């Protein structure tokens, strides 16, 4: 079971490292966006610091997620990004949910698995 968790976390982390680096290097082609998505993307691009910040968070959290000792921090860091991705897919791209929901579930399971590390924040 431990090796499966390691492999799943490695793949999860690599996906977010890839997504974060793509925000800076633009090496993955973008799919054609609908008019609503274009408006949303234009609005996000007017906030000059938002996409670089998201890219840094995705890259750093992906790295932290891979390392077992820092996995709890990486899982919490990536949670707001995952919520945004799930919401985007629910509203604009329901066809992406079969990929996004398992990733969200992995994130939640890792948070639950590391719950004892978060307990001091609530006491």
PDB file of N, CA and C in Angstrom:
ATOM      1  N   UNK A   1       0.824  -1.201   0.000  1.00  0.00           N
ATOM      2  CA  UNK A   1       0.000   0.000   0.000  1.00  0.00           C
ATOM      3  C   UNK A   1       0.865   1.262   0.000  1.00  0.00           C
ATOM      4  N   UNK A   2       2.009   1.180   0.714  1.00  0.00           N
ATOM      5  CA  UNK A   2       2.890   2.335   0.809  1.00  0.00           C
ATOM      6  C   UNK A   2       3.467   2.704  -0.560  1.00  0.00           C
ATOM      7  N   UNK A   3       3.804   1.695  -1.364  1.00  0.00           N
ATOM      8  CA  UNK A   3       4.379   1.952  -2.691  1.00  0.00           C
ATOM      9  C   UNK A   3       3.334   2.557  -3.627  1.00  0.00           C
ATOM     10  N   UNK A   4       2.074   2.121  -3.492  1.00  0.00           N
ATOM     11  CA  UNK A   4       0.994   2.689  -4.316  1.00  0.00           C
ATOM     12  C   UNK A   4       0.803   4.159  -3.973  1.00  0.00           C
ATOM     13  N   UNK A   5       0.819   4.459  -2.671  1.00  0.00           N
ATOM     14  CA  UNK A   5       0.675   5.858  -2.231  1.00  0.00           C
ATOM     15  C   UNK A   5       1.821   6.704  -2.769  1.00  0.00           C
ATOM     16  N   UNK A   6       3.025   6.169  -2.732  1.00  0.00           N
ATOM     17  CA  UNK A   6       4.187   6.895  -3.242  1.00  0.00           C
ATOM     18  C   UNK A   6       4.051   7.171  -4.738  1.00  0.00           C
ATOM     19  N   UNK A   7       3.623   6.177  -5.493  1.00  0.00           N
ATOM     20  CA  UNK A   7       3.466   6.343  -6.949  1.00  0.00           C
ATOM     21  C   UNK A   7       2.365   7.351  -7.264  1.00  0.00           C
ATOM     22  N   UNK A   8       1.225   7.240  -6.566  1.00  0.00           N
ATOM     23  CA  UNK A   8       0.111   8.174  -6.797  1.00  0.00           C
ATOM     24  C   UNK A   8       0.537   9.597  -6.463  1.00  0.00           C
ATOM     25  N   UNK A   9       1.226   9.778  -5.350  1.00  0.00           N
ATOM     26  CA  UNK A   9       1.676  11.117  -4.954  1.00  0.00           C
ATOM     27  C   UNK A   9       2.741  11.652  -5.905  1.00  0.00           C
ATOM     28  N   UNK A  10       3.591  10.774  -6.407  1.00  0.00           N
ATOM     29  CA  UNK A  10       4.599  11.184  -7.387  1.00  0.00           C
ATOM     30  C   UNK A  10       3.926  11.692  -8.660  1.00  0.00           C
ATOM     31  N   UNK A  11       2.961  10.937  -9.165  1.00  0.00           N
ATOM     32  CA  UNK A  11       2.256  11.353 -10.389  1.00  0.00           C
ATOM     33  C   UNK A  11       1.464  12.643 -10.167  1.00  0.00           C
ATOM     34  N   UNK A  12       0.791  12.741  -9.023  1.00  0.00           N
ATOM     35  CA  UNK A  12       0.027  13.947  -8.679  1.00  0.00           C
ATOM     36  C   UNK A  12       0.963  15.154  -8.632  1.00  0.00           C
ATOM     37  N   UNK A  13       2.078  14.995  -7.927  1.00  0.00           N
ATOM     38  CA  UNK A  13       3.036  16.097  -7.821  1.00  0.00           C
ATOM     39  C   UNK A  13       3.616  16.498  -9.164  1.00  0.00           C
ATOM     40  N   UNK A  14       3.961  15.505  -9.988  1.00  0.00           N
ATOM     41  CA  UNK A  14       4.515  15.810 -11.313  1.00  0.00           C
ATOM     42  C   UNK A  14       3.508  16.541 -12.197  1.00  0.00           C
ATOM     43  N   UNK A  15       2.222  16.188 -12.074  1.00  0.00           N
ATOM     44  CA  UNK A  15       1.196  16.897 -12.862  1.00  0.00           C
ATOM     45  C   UNK A  15       1.168  18.381 -12.502  1.00  0.00           C
ATOM     46  N   UNK A  16       1.267  18.676 -11.207  1.00  0.00           N
ATOM     47  CA  UNK A  16       1.208  20.078 -10.803  1.00  0.00           C
ATOM     48  C   UNK A  16       2.512  20.811 -11.067  1.00  0.00           C
ATOM     49  N   UNK A  17       3.638  20.126 -10.985  1.00  0.00           N
ATOM     50  CA  UNK A  17       4.910  20.757 -11.376  1.00  0.00           C
ATOM     51  C   UNK A  17       4.845  21.119 -12.857  1.00  0.00           C
ATOM     52  N   UNK A  18       4.348  20.203 -13.666  1.00  0.00           N
ATOM     53  CA  UNK A  18       4.206  20.445 -15.104  1.00  0.00           C
ATOM     54  C   UNK A  18       3.267  21.629 -15.370  1.00  0.00           C
ATOM     55  N   UNK A  19       2.118  21.651 -14.700  1.00  0.00           N
ATOM     56  CA  UNK A  19       1.155  22.741 -14.902  1.00  0.00           C
ATOM     57  C   UNK A  19       1.740  24.079 -14.450  1.00  0.00           C
ATOM     58  N   UNK A  20       2.464  24.072 -13.335  1.00  0.00           N
ATOM     59  CA  UNK A  20       3.063  25.306 -12.836  1.00  0.00           C
ATOM     60  C   UNK A  20       4.150  25.837 -13.759  1.00  0.00           C
ATOM     61  N   UNK A  21       5.018  24.946 -14.233  1.00  0.00           N
ATOM     62  CA  UNK A  21       6.077  25.374 -15.152  1.00  0.00           C
ATOM     63  C   UNK A  21       5.504  25.858 -16.478  1.00  0.00           C
ATOM     64  N   UNK A  22       4.390  25.272 -16.895  1.00  0.00           N
ATOM     65  CA  UNK A  22       3.762  25.702 -18.149  1.00  0.00           C
ATOM     66  C   UNK A  22       3.275  27.149 -18.067  1.00  0.00           C
ATOM     67  N   UNK A  23       2.945  27.622 -16.879  1.00  0.00           N
ATOM     68  CA  UNK A  23       2.502  29.016 -16.724  1.00  0.00           C
ATOM     69  C   UNK A  23       3.635  29.989 -17.052  1.00  0.00           C
ATOM     70  N   UNK A  24       4.885  29.532 -16.906  1.00  0.00           N
ATOM     71  CA  UNK A  24       6.038  30.384 -17.202  1.00  0.00           C
ATOM     72  C   UNK A  24       6.608  30.132 -18.589  1.00  0.00           C
ATOM     73  N   UNK A  25       6.638  28.885 -19.014  1.00  0.00           N
ATOM     74  CA  UNK A  25       7.325  28.521 -20.253  1.00  0.00           C
ATOM     75  C   UNK A  25       6.392  28.320 -21.448  1.00  0.00           C
ATOM     76  N   UNK A  26       5.108  28.175 -21.213  1.00  0.00           N
ATOM     77  CA  UNK A  26       4.087  28.021 -22.267  1.00  0.00           C
ATOM     78  C   UNK A  26       4.465  26.973 -23.315  1.00  0.00           C
ATOM     79  N   UNK A  27       4.780  25.778 -22.887  1.00  0.00           N
ATOM     80  CA  UNK A  27       5.167  24.723 -23.821  1.00  0.00           C
ATOM     81  C   UNK A  27       4.030  23.772 -24.179  1.00  0.00           C
ATOM     82  N   UNK A  28       2.901  23.841 -23.470  1.00  0.00           N
ATOM     83  CA  UNK A  28       1.754  22.992 -23.805  1.00  0.00           C
ATOM     84  C   UNK A  28       0.732  23.821 -24.573  1.00  0.00           C
ATOM     85  N   UNK A  29       0.252  23.308 -25.703  1.00  0.00           N
ATOM     86  CA  UNK A  29      -0.756  24.055 -26.452  1.00  0.00           C
ATOM     87  C   UNK A  29      -2.080  24.110 -25.693  1.00  0.00           C
ATOM     88  N   UNK A  30      -2.753  25.248 -25.799  1.00  0.00           N
ATOM     89  CA  UNK A  30      -4.057  25.407 -25.148  1.00  0.00           C
ATOM     90  C   UNK A  30      -5.159  24.964 -26.099  1.00  0.00           C
ATOM     91  N   UNK A  31      -6.180  24.353 -25.515  1.00  0.00           N
ATOM     92  CA  UNK A  31      -7.336  23.975 -26.314  1.00  0.00           C
ATOM     93  C   UNK A  31      -8.122  25.222 -26.681  1.00  0.00           C
ATOM     94  N   UNK A  32      -8.939  25.109 -27.713  1.00  0.00           N
ATOM     95  CA  UNK A  32      -9.793  26.224 -28.106  1.00  0.00           C
ATOM     96  C   UNK A  32     -10.798  26.492 -26.994  1.00  0.00           C
ATOM     97  N   UNK A  33     -10.880  27.775 -26.611  1.00  0.00           N
ATOM     98  CA  UNK A  33     -11.753  28.150 -25.501  1.00  0.00           C
ATOM     99  C   UNK A  33     -13.053  28.745 -26.022  1.00  0.00           C
ATOM    100  N   UNK A  34     -14.096  28.572 -25.225  1.00  0.00           N
ATOM    101  CA  UNK A  34     -15.381  29.188 -25.556  1.00  0.00           C
ATOM    102  C   UNK A  34     -15.277  30.693 -25.294  1.00  0.00           C
ATOM    103  N   UNK A  35     -16.297  31.417 -25.710  1.00  0.00           N
ATOM    104  CA  UNK A  35     -16.298  32.870 -25.524  1.00  0.00           C
ATOM    105  C   UNK A  35     -16.290  33.230 -24.038  1.00  0.00           C
ATOM    106  N   UNK A  36     -17.054  32.482 -23.230  1.00  0.00           N
ATOM    107  CA  UNK A  36     -17.075  32.729 -21.783  1.00  0.00           C
ATOM    108  C   UNK A  36     -15.703  32.495 -21.166  1.00  0.00           C
ATOM    109  N   UNK A  37     -15.046  31.419 -21.607  1.00  0.00           N
ATOM    110  CA  UNK A  37     -13.721  31.122 -21.083  1.00  0.00           C
ATOM    111  C   UNK A  37     -12.718  32.185 -21.502  1.00  0.00           C
ATOM    112  N   UNK A  38     -12.848  32.698 -22.713  1.00  0.00           N
ATOM    113  CA  UNK A  38     -11.948  33.764 -23.166  1.00  0.00           C
ATOM    114  C   UNK A  38     -12.111  35.012 -22.308  1.00  0.00           C
ATOM    115  N   UNK A  39     -13.352  35.363 -21.986  1.00  0.00           N
ATOM    116  CA  UNK A  39     -13.596  36.526 -21.131  1.00  0.00           C
ATOM    117  C   UNK A  39     -12.989  36.318 -19.749  1.00  0.00           C
ATOM    118  N   UNK A  40     -13.148  35.122 -19.217  1.00  0.00           N
ATOM    119  CA  UNK A  40     -12.589  34.829 -17.907  1.00  0.00           C
ATOM    120  C   UNK A  40     -11.057  34.905 -17.949  1.00  0.00           C
ATOM    121  N   UNK A  41     -10.458  34.349 -18.985  1.00  0.00           N
ATOM    122  CA  UNK A  41      -8.997  34.359 -19.116  1.00  0.00           C
ATOM    123  C   UNK A  41      -8.482  35.789 -19.263  1.00  0.00           C
ATOM    124  N   UNK A  42      -9.183  36.621 -20.027  1.00  0.00           N
ATOM    125  CA  UNK A  42      -8.788  38.020 -20.160  1.00  0.00           C
ATOM    126  C   UNK A  42      -8.844  38.723 -18.809  1.00  0.00           C
ATOM    127  N   UNK A  43      -9.885  38.436 -18.029  1.00  0.00           N
ATOM    128  CA  UNK A  43     -10.009  39.046 -16.703  1.00  0.00           C
ATOM    129  C   UNK A  43      -8.861  38.596 -15.797  1.00  0.00           C
ATOM    130  N   UNK A  44      -8.521  37.329 -15.864  1.00  0.00           N
ATOM    131  CA  UNK A  44      -7.418  36.824 -15.040  1.00  0.00           C
ATOM    132  C   UNK A  44      -6.083  37.419 -15.477  1.00  0.00           C
ATOM    133  N   UNK A  45      -5.910  37.624 -16.762  1.00  0.00           N
ATOM    134  CA  UNK A  45      -4.650  38.166 -17.270  1.00  0.00           C
ATOM    135  C   UNK A  45      -4.485  39.651 -16.940  1.00  0.00           C
ATOM    136  N   UNK A  46      -5.576  40.361 -16.669  1.00  0.00           N
ATOM    137  CA  UNK A  46      -5.441  41.768 -16.286  1.00  0.00           C
ATOM    138  C   UNK A  46      -4.808  41.898 -14.904  1.00  0.00           C
ATOM    139  N   UNK A  47      -4.955  40.863 -14.081  1.00  0.00           N
ATOM    140  CA  UNK A  47      -4.280  40.836 -12.781  1.00  0.00           C
ATOM    141  C   UNK A  47      -2.904  40.221 -13.035  1.00  0.00           C
ATOM    142  N   UNK A  48      -1.928  41.054 -13.244  1.00  0.00           N
ATOM    143  CA  UNK A  48      -0.612  40.628 -13.726  1.00  0.00           C
ATOM    144  C   UNK A  48       0.083  39.600 -12.829  1.00  0.00           C
ATOM    145  N   UNK A  49      -0.148  39.636 -11.525  1.00  0.00           N
ATOM    146  CA  UNK A  49       0.572  38.773 -10.601  1.00  0.00           C
ATOM    147  C   UNK A  49      -0.124  37.438 -10.352  1.00  0.00           C
ATOM    148  N   UNK A  50      -1.367  37.272 -10.813  1.00  0.00           N
ATOM    149  CA  UNK A  50      -2.145  36.089 -10.454  1.00  0.00           C
ATOM    150  C   UNK A  50      -1.618  34.799 -11.086  1.00  0.00           C
ATOM    151  N   UNK A  51      -1.359  34.799 -12.385  1.00  0.00           N
ATOM    152  CA  UNK A  51      -0.888  33.576 -13.044  1.00  0.00           C
ATOM    153  C   UNK A  51       0.519  33.182 -12.594  1.00  0.00           C
ATOM    154  N   UNK A  52       1.460  34.130 -12.453  1.00  0.00           N
ATOM    155  CA  UNK A  52       2.762  33.726 -11.905  1.00  0.00           C
ATOM    156  C   UNK A  52       2.656  33.159 -10.486  1.00  0.00           C
ATOM    157  N   UNK A  53       1.795  33.746  -9.665  1.00  0.00           N
ATOM    158  CA  UNK A  53       1.608  33.236  -8.309  1.00  0.00           C
ATOM    159  C   UNK A  53       1.050  31.812  -8.342  1.00  0.00           C
ATOM    160  N   UNK A  54       0.052  31.587  -9.192  1.00  0.00           N
ATOM    161  CA  UNK A  54      -0.524  30.251  -9.333  1.00  0.00           C
ATOM    162  C   UNK A  54       0.530  29.268  -9.815  1.00  0.00           C
ATOM    163  N   UNK A  55       1.356  29.683 -10.758  1.00  0.00           N
ATOM    164  CA  UNK A  55       2.420  28.821 -11.267  1.00  0.00           C
ATOM    165  C   UNK A  55       3.429  28.449 -10.191  1.00  0.00           C
ATOM    166  N   UNK A  56       3.811  29.420  -9.370  1.00  0.00           N
ATOM    167  CA  UNK A  56       4.754  29.153  -8.282  1.00  0.00           C
ATOM    168  C   UNK A  56       4.124  28.204  -7.267  1.00  0.00           C
ATOM    169  N   UNK A  57       2.873  28.458  -6.903  1.00  0.00           N
ATOM    170  CA  UNK A  57       2.197  27.595  -5.927  1.00  0.00           C
ATOM    171  C   UNK A  57       2.078  26.170  -6.464  1.00  0.00           C
ATOM    172  N   UNK A  58       1.679  26.028  -7.731  1.00  0.00           N
ATOM    173  CA  UNK A  58       1.551  24.689  -8.308  1.00  0.00           C
ATOM    174  C   UNK A  58       2.894  23.963  -8.330  1.00  0.00           C
ATOM    175  N   UNK A  59       3.952  24.658  -8.702  1.00  0.00           N
ATOM    176  CA  UNK A  59       5.278  24.034  -8.786  1.00  0.00           C
ATOM    177  C   UNK A  59       5.797  23.645  -7.405  1.00  0.00           C
ATOM    178  N   UNK A  60       5.750  24.573  -6.472  1.00  0.00           N
ATOM    179  CA  UNK A  60       6.263  24.305  -5.125  1.00  0.00           C
ATOM    180  C   UNK A  60       5.418  23.234  -4.434  1.00  0.00           C
ATOM    181  N   UNK A  61       4.094  23.361  -4.509  1.00  0.00           N
ATOM    182  CA  UNK A  61       3.221  22.370  -3.869  1.00  0.00           C
ATOM    183  C   UNK A  61       3.408  20.995  -4.505  1.00  0.00           C
ATOM    184  N   UNK A  62       3.611  20.938  -5.815  1.00  0.00           N
ATOM    185  CA  UNK A  62       3.869  19.661  -6.475  1.00  0.00           C
ATOM    186  C   UNK A  62       5.137  19.015  -5.967  1.00  0.00           C
ATOM    187  N   UNK A  63       6.192  19.814  -5.800  1.00  0.00           N
ATOM    188  CA  UNK A  63       7.449  19.295  -5.238  1.00  0.00           C
ATOM    189  C   UNK A  63       7.249  18.799  -3.806  1.00  0.00           C
ATOM    190  N   UNK A  64       6.549  19.602  -3.002  1.00  0.00           N
ATOM    191  CA  UNK A  64       6.297  19.213  -1.615  1.00  0.00           C
ATOM    192  C   UNK A  64       5.436  17.950  -1.532  1.00  0.00           C
ATOM    193  N   UNK A  65       4.510  17.803  -2.457  1.00  0.00           N
ATOM    194  CA  UNK A  65       3.600  16.651  -2.472  1.00  0.00           C
ATOM    195  C   UNK A  65       4.367  15.356  -2.742  1.00  0.00           C
ATOM    196  N   UNK A  66       5.418  15.425  -3.506  1.00  0.00           N
ATOM    197  CA  UNK A  66       6.199  14.235  -3.849  1.00  0.00           C
ATOM    198  C   UNK A  66       6.993  13.728  -2.647  1.00  0.00           C
ATOM    199  N   UNK A  67       7.520  14.629  -1.842  1.00  0.00           N
ATOM    200  CA  UNK A  67       8.378  14.264  -0.705  1.00  0.00           C
ATOM    201  C   UNK A  67       7.493  13.872   0.482  1.00  0.00           C
ATOM    202  N   UNK A  68       7.601  12.645   0.981  1.00  0.00           N
ATOM    203  CA  UNK A  68       6.717  12.190   2.063  1.00  0.00           C
ATOM    204  C   UNK A  68       6.729  13.082   3.307  1.00  0.00           C
ATOM    205  N   UNK A  69       7.872  13.610   3.666  1.00  0.00           N
ATOM    206  CA  UNK A  69       7.968  14.424   4.877  1.00  0.00           C
ATOM    207  C   UNK A  69       7.219  15.756   4.756  1.00  0.00           C
ATOM    208  N   UNK A  70       7.106  16.286   3.538  1.00  0.00           N
ATOM    209  CA  UNK A  70       6.456  17.590   3.322  1.00  0.00           C
ATOM    210  C   UNK A  70       5.106  17.463   2.603  1.00  0.00           C
ATOM    211  N   UNK A  71       4.629  16.243   2.445  1.00  0.00           N
ATOM    212  CA  UNK A  71       3.398  15.991   1.693  1.00  0.00           C
ATOM    213  C   UNK A  71       2.184  16.714   2.300  1.00  0.00           C
ATOM    214  N   UNK A  72       2.110  16.785   3.627  1.00  0.00           N
ATOM    215  CA  UNK A  72       0.976  17.435   4.283  1.00  0.00           C
ATOM    216  C   UNK A  72       0.913  18.921   3.907  1.00  0.00           C
ATOM    217  N   UNK A  73       2.053  19.584   3.882  1.00  0.00           N
ATOM    218  CA  UNK A  73       2.099  20.999   3.494  1.00  0.00           C
ATOM    219  C   UNK A  73       1.730  21.167   2.025  1.00  0.00           C
ATOM    220  N   UNK A  74       2.252  20.304   1.161  1.00  0.00           N
ATOM    221  CA  UNK A  74       1.924  20.374  -0.259  1.00  0.00           C
ATOM    222  C   UNK A  74       0.447  20.160  -0.520  1.00  0.00           C
ATOM    223  N   UNK A  75      -0.167  19.242   0.216  1.00  0.00           N
ATOM    224  CA  UNK A  75      -1.598  18.958   0.032  1.00  0.00           C
ATOM    225  C   UNK A  75      -2.459  20.163   0.406  1.00  0.00           C
ATOM    226  N   UNK A  76      -2.094  20.836   1.492  1.00  0.00           N
ATOM    227  CA  UNK A  76      -2.854  22.030   1.908  1.00  0.00           C
ATOM    228  C   UNK A  76      -2.615  23.189   0.944  1.00  0.00           C
ATOM    229  N   UNK A  77      -1.378  23.330   0.466  1.00  0.00           N
ATOM    230  CA  UNK A  77      -1.070  24.424  -0.469  1.00  0.00           C
ATOM    231  C   UNK A  77      -1.839  24.276  -1.782  1.00  0.00           C
ATOM    232  N   UNK A  78      -1.987  23.048  -2.262  1.00  0.00           N
ATOM    233  CA  UNK A  78      -2.603  22.833  -3.564  1.00  0.00           C
ATOM    234  C   UNK A  78      -4.129  22.782  -3.475  1.00  0.00           C
ATOM    235  N   UNK A  79      -4.685  22.662  -2.267  1.00  0.00           N
ATOM    236  CA  UNK A  79      -6.141  22.536  -2.111  1.00  0.00           C
ATOM    237  C   UNK A  79      -6.918  23.704  -2.731  1.00  0.00           C
ATOM    238  N   UNK A  80      -6.569  24.977  -2.488  1.00  0.00           N
ATOM    239  CA  UNK A  80      -7.335  26.057  -3.126  1.00  0.00           C
ATOM    240  C   UNK A  80      -7.263  26.027  -4.651  1.00  0.00           C
ATOM    241  N   UNK A  81      -6.119  25.638  -5.182  1.00  0.00           N
ATOM    242  CA  UNK A  81      -5.979  25.518  -6.639  1.00  0.00           C
ATOM    243  C   UNK A  81      -6.895  24.403  -7.146  1.00  0.00           C
ATOM    244  N   UNK A  82      -6.923  23.280  -6.426  1.00  0.00           N
ATOM    245  CA  UNK A  82      -7.784  22.163  -6.820  1.00  0.00           C
ATOM    246  C   UNK A  82      -9.255  22.551  -6.775  1.00  0.00           C
ATOM    247  N   UNK A  83      -9.652  23.300  -5.756  1.00  0.00           N
ATOM    248  CA  UNK A  83     -11.048  23.754  -5.669  1.00  0.00           C
ATOM    249  C   UNK A  83     -11.383  24.624  -6.877  1.00  0.00           C
ATOM    250  N   UNK A  84     -10.478  25.510  -7.256  1.00  0.00           N
ATOM    251  CA  UNK A  84     -10.684  26.339  -8.442  1.00  0.00           C
ATOM    252  C   UNK A  84     -10.787  25.512  -9.714  1.00  0.00           C
ATOM    253  N   UNK A  85      -9.948  24.490  -9.829  1.00  0.00           N
ATOM    254  CA  UNK A  85      -9.978  23.625 -11.014  1.00  0.00           C
ATOM    255  C   UNK A  85     -11.291  22.857 -11.081  1.00  0.00           C
ATOM    256  N   UNK A  86     -11.737  22.338  -9.943  1.00  0.00           N
ATOM    257  CA  UNK A  86     -13.010  21.598  -9.908  1.00  0.00           C
ATOM    258  C   UNK A  86     -14.160  22.529 -10.279  1.00  0.00           C
ATOM    259  N   UNK A  87     -14.189  23.721  -9.703  1.00  0.00           N
ATOM    260  CA  UNK A  87     -15.260  24.681 -10.016  1.00  0.00           C
ATOM    261  C   UNK A  87     -15.252  25.048 -11.496  1.00  0.00           C
ATOM    262  N   UNK A  88     -14.073  25.290 -12.046  1.00  0.00           N
ATOM    263  CA  UNK A  88     -13.968  25.632 -13.468  1.00  0.00           C
ATOM    264  C   UNK A  88     -14.525  24.497 -14.329  1.00  0.00           C
ATOM    265  N   UNK A  89     -14.164  23.274 -13.982  1.00  0.00           N
ATOM    266  CA  UNK A  89     -14.639  22.134 -14.768  1.00  0.00           C
ATOM    267  C   UNK A  89     -16.132  21.903 -14.590  1.00  0.00           C
ATOM    268  N   UNK A  90     -16.656  22.160 -13.418  1.00  0.00           N
ATOM    269  CA  UNK A  90     -18.105  22.033 -13.219  1.00  0.00           C
ATOM    270  C   UNK A  90     -18.878  23.027 -14.077  1.00  0.00           C
ATOM    271  N   UNK A  91     -18.356  24.245 -14.179  1.00  0.00           N
ATOM    272  CA  UNK A  91     -19.068  25.312 -14.891  1.00  0.00           C
ATOM    273  C   UNK A  91     -18.795  25.289 -16.392  1.00  0.00           C
ATOM    274  N   UNK A  92     -17.521  25.221 -16.783  1.00  0.00           N
ATOM    275  CA  UNK A  92     -17.157  25.395 -18.186  1.00  0.00           C
ATOM    276  C   UNK A  92     -16.841  24.111 -18.936  1.00  0.00           C
ATOM    277  N   UNK A  93     -16.257  23.145 -18.295  1.00  0.00           N
ATOM    278  CA  UNK A  93     -15.769  21.945 -18.983  1.00  0.00           C
ATOM    279  C   UNK A  93     -16.175  20.670 -18.241  1.00  0.00           C
ATOM    280  N   UNK A  94     -17.450  20.325 -18.195  1.00  0.00           N
ATOM    281  CA  UNK A  94     -17.845  19.103 -17.487  1.00  0.00           C
ATOM    282  C   UNK A  94     -17.174  17.844 -18.038  1.00  0.00           C
ATOM    283  N   UNK A  95     -16.710  17.895 -19.270  1.00  0.00           N
ATOM    284  CA  UNK A  95     -16.029  16.728 -19.840  1.00  0.00           C
ATOM    285  C   UNK A  95     -14.688  16.454 -19.147  1.00  0.00           C
ATOM    286  N   UNK A  96     -14.141  17.428 -18.441  1.00  0.00           N
ATOM    287  CA  UNK A  96     -12.881  17.244 -17.737  1.00  0.00           C
ATOM    288  C   UNK A  96     -13.020  16.661 -16.344  1.00  0.00           C
ATOM    289  N   UNK A  97     -14.253  16.511 -15.873  1.00  0.00           N
ATOM    290  CA  UNK A  97     -14.472  16.012 -14.520  1.00  0.00           C
ATOM    291  C   UNK A  97     -13.924  14.604 -14.266  1.00  0.00           C
ATOM    292  N   UNK A  98     -13.975  13.679 -15.240  1.00  0.00           N
ATOM    293  CA  UNK A  98     -13.398  12.357 -14.958  1.00  0.00           C
ATOM    294  C   UNK A  98     -11.906  12.387 -14.639  1.00  0.00           C
ATOM    295  N   UNK A  99     -11.188  13.396 -15.062  1.00  0.00           N
ATOM    296  CA  UNK A  99      -9.776  13.540 -14.707  1.00  0.00           C
ATOM    297  C   UNK A  99      -9.619  14.336 -13.419  1.00  0.00           C
ATOM    298  N   UNK A 100     -10.418  15.372 -13.253  1.00  0.00           N
ATOM    299  CA  UNK A 100     -10.255  16.304 -12.145  1.00  0.00           C
ATOM    300  C   UNK A 100     -10.740  15.712 -10.814  1.00  0.00           C
ATOM    301  N   UNK A 101     -11.860  15.022 -10.821  1.00  0.00           N
ATOM    302  CA  UNK A 101     -12.407  14.506  -9.568  1.00  0.00           C
ATOM    303  C   UNK A 101     -11.500  13.474  -8.891  1.00  0.00           C
ATOM    304  N   UNK A 102     -10.877  12.538  -9.620  1.00  0.00           N
ATOM    305  CA  UNK A 102      -9.918  11.654  -8.943  1.00  0.00           C
ATOM    306  C   UNK A 102      -8.716  12.403  -8.346  1.00  0.00           C
ATOM    307  N   UNK A 103      -8.258  13.448  -9.037  1.00  0.00           N
ATOM    308  CA  UNK A 103      -7.165  14.251  -8.491  1.00  0.00           C
ATOM    309  C   UNK A 103      -7.596  14.957  -7.205  1.00  0.00           C
ATOM    310  N   UNK A 104      -8.814  15.488  -7.214  1.00  0.00           N
ATOM    311  CA  UNK A 104      -9.347  16.139  -6.023  1.00  0.00           C
ATOM    312  C   UNK A 104      -9.480  15.125  -4.886  1.00  0.00           C
ATOM    313  N   UNK A 105      -9.938  13.932  -5.209  1.00  0.00           N
ATOM    314  CA  UNK A 105     -10.080  12.874  -4.209  1.00  0.00           C
ATOM    315  C   UNK A 105      -8.710  12.483  -3.633  1.00  0.00           C
ATOM    316  N   UNK A 106      -7.701  12.386  -4.477  1.00  0.00           N
ATOM    317  CA  UNK A 106      -6.349  12.085  -3.995  1.00  0.00           C
ATOM    318  C   UNK A 106      -5.894  13.165  -3.019  1.00  0.00           C
ATOM    319  N   UNK A 107      -6.132  14.415  -3.367  1.00  0.00           N
ATOM    320  CA  UNK A 107      -5.736  15.518  -2.490  1.00  0.00           C
ATOM    321  C   UNK A 107      -6.449  15.415  -1.142  1.00  0.00           C
ATOM    322  N   UNK A 108      -7.748  15.170  -1.172  1.00  0.00           N
ATOM    323  CA  UNK A 108      -8.528  15.048   0.071  1.00  0.00           C
ATOM    324  C   UNK A 108      -8.036  13.862   0.895  1.00  0.00           C
ATOM    325  N   UNK A 109      -7.776  12.724   0.238  1.00  0.00           N
ATOM    326  CA  UNK A 109      -7.302  11.535   0.962  1.00  0.00           C
ATOM    327  C   UNK A 109      -5.948  11.780   1.632  1.00  0.00           C
ATOM    328  N   UNK A 110      -5.069  12.508   0.968  1.00  0.00           N
ATOM    329  CA  UNK A 110      -3.767  12.819   1.569  1.00  0.00           C
ATOM    330  C   UNK A 110      -3.946  13.775   2.753  1.00  0.00           C
ATOM    331  N   UNK A 111      -4.874  14.709   2.641  1.00  0.00           N
ATOM    332  CA  UNK A 111      -5.159  15.607   3.769  1.00  0.00           C
ATOM    333  C   UNK A 111      -5.705  14.805   4.946  1.00  0.00           C
ATOM    334  N   UNK A 112      -6.635  13.899   4.690  1.00  0.00           N
ATOM    335  CA  UNK A 112      -7.198  13.059   5.754  1.00  0.00           C
ATOM    336  C   UNK A 112      -6.106  12.179   6.361  1.00  0.00           C
ATOM    337  N   UNK A 113      -5.246  11.631   5.534  1.00  0.00           N
ATOM    338  CA  UNK A 113      -4.154  10.772   5.991  1.00  0.00           C
ATOM    339  C   UNK A 113      -3.187  11.523   6.904  1.00  0.00           C
ATOM    340  N   UNK A 114      -3.027  12.815   6.681  1.00  0.00           N
ATOM    341  CA  UNK A 114      -2.107  13.639   7.465  1.00  0.00           C
ATOM    342  C   UNK A 114      -2.820  14.518   8.486  1.00  0.00           C
ATOM    343  N   UNK A 115      -4.055  14.192   8.813  1.00  0.00           N
ATOM    344  CA  UNK A 115      -4.881  15.054   9.660  1.00  0.00           C
ATOM    345  C   UNK A 115      -4.211  15.367  10.999  1.00  0.00           C
ATOM    346  N   UNK A 116      -3.479  14.413  11.554  1.00  0.00           N
ATOM    347  CA  UNK A 116      -2.828  14.644  12.855  1.00  0.00           C
ATOM    348  C   UNK A 116      -1.817  15.795  12.776  1.00  0.00           C
ATOM    349  N   UNK A 117      -1.263  16.046  11.625  1.00  0.00           N
ATOM    350  CA  UNK A 117      -0.310  17.139  11.475  1.00  0.00           C
ATOM    351  C   UNK A 117      -1.011  18.499  11.449  1.00  0.00           C
ATOM    352  N   UNK A 118      -2.295  18.506  11.095  1.00  0.00           N
ATOM    353  CA  UNK A 118      -3.047  19.768  11.052  1.00  0.00           C
ATOM    354  C   UNK A 118      -3.736  20.082  12.358  1.00  0.00           C
ATOM    355  N   UNK A 119      -3.897  19.091  13.234  1.00  0.00           N
ATOM    356  CA  UNK A 119      -4.635  19.276  14.492  1.00  0.00           C
ATOM    357  C   UNK A 119      -4.150  20.454  15.328  1.00  0.00           C
ATOM    358  N   UNK A 120      -2.838  20.706  15.439  1.00  0.00           N
ATOM    359  CA  UNK A 120      -2.404  21.848  16.276  1.00  0.00           C
ATOM    360  C   UNK A 120      -2.962  23.206  15.809  1.00  0.00           C
ATOM    361  N   UNK A 121      -3.320  23.309  14.539  1.00  0.00           N
ATOM    362  CA  UNK A 121      -3.879  24.572  14.045  1.00  0.00           C
ATOM    363  C   UNK A 121      -5.272  24.838  14.638  1.00  0.00           C
ATOM    364  N   UNK A 122      -5.948  23.793  15.073  1.00  0.00           N
ATOM    365  CA  UNK A 122      -7.323  23.932  15.533  1.00  0.00           C
ATOM    366  C   UNK A 122      -7.472  23.894  17.054  1.00  0.00           C
ATOM    367  N   UNK A 123      -6.398  23.717  17.776  1.00  0.00           N
ATOM    368  CA  UNK A 123      -6.522  23.636  19.241  1.00  0.00           C
ATOM    369  C   UNK A 123      -6.056  24.910  19.927  1.00  0.00           C
TER     370      UNK A 123
END
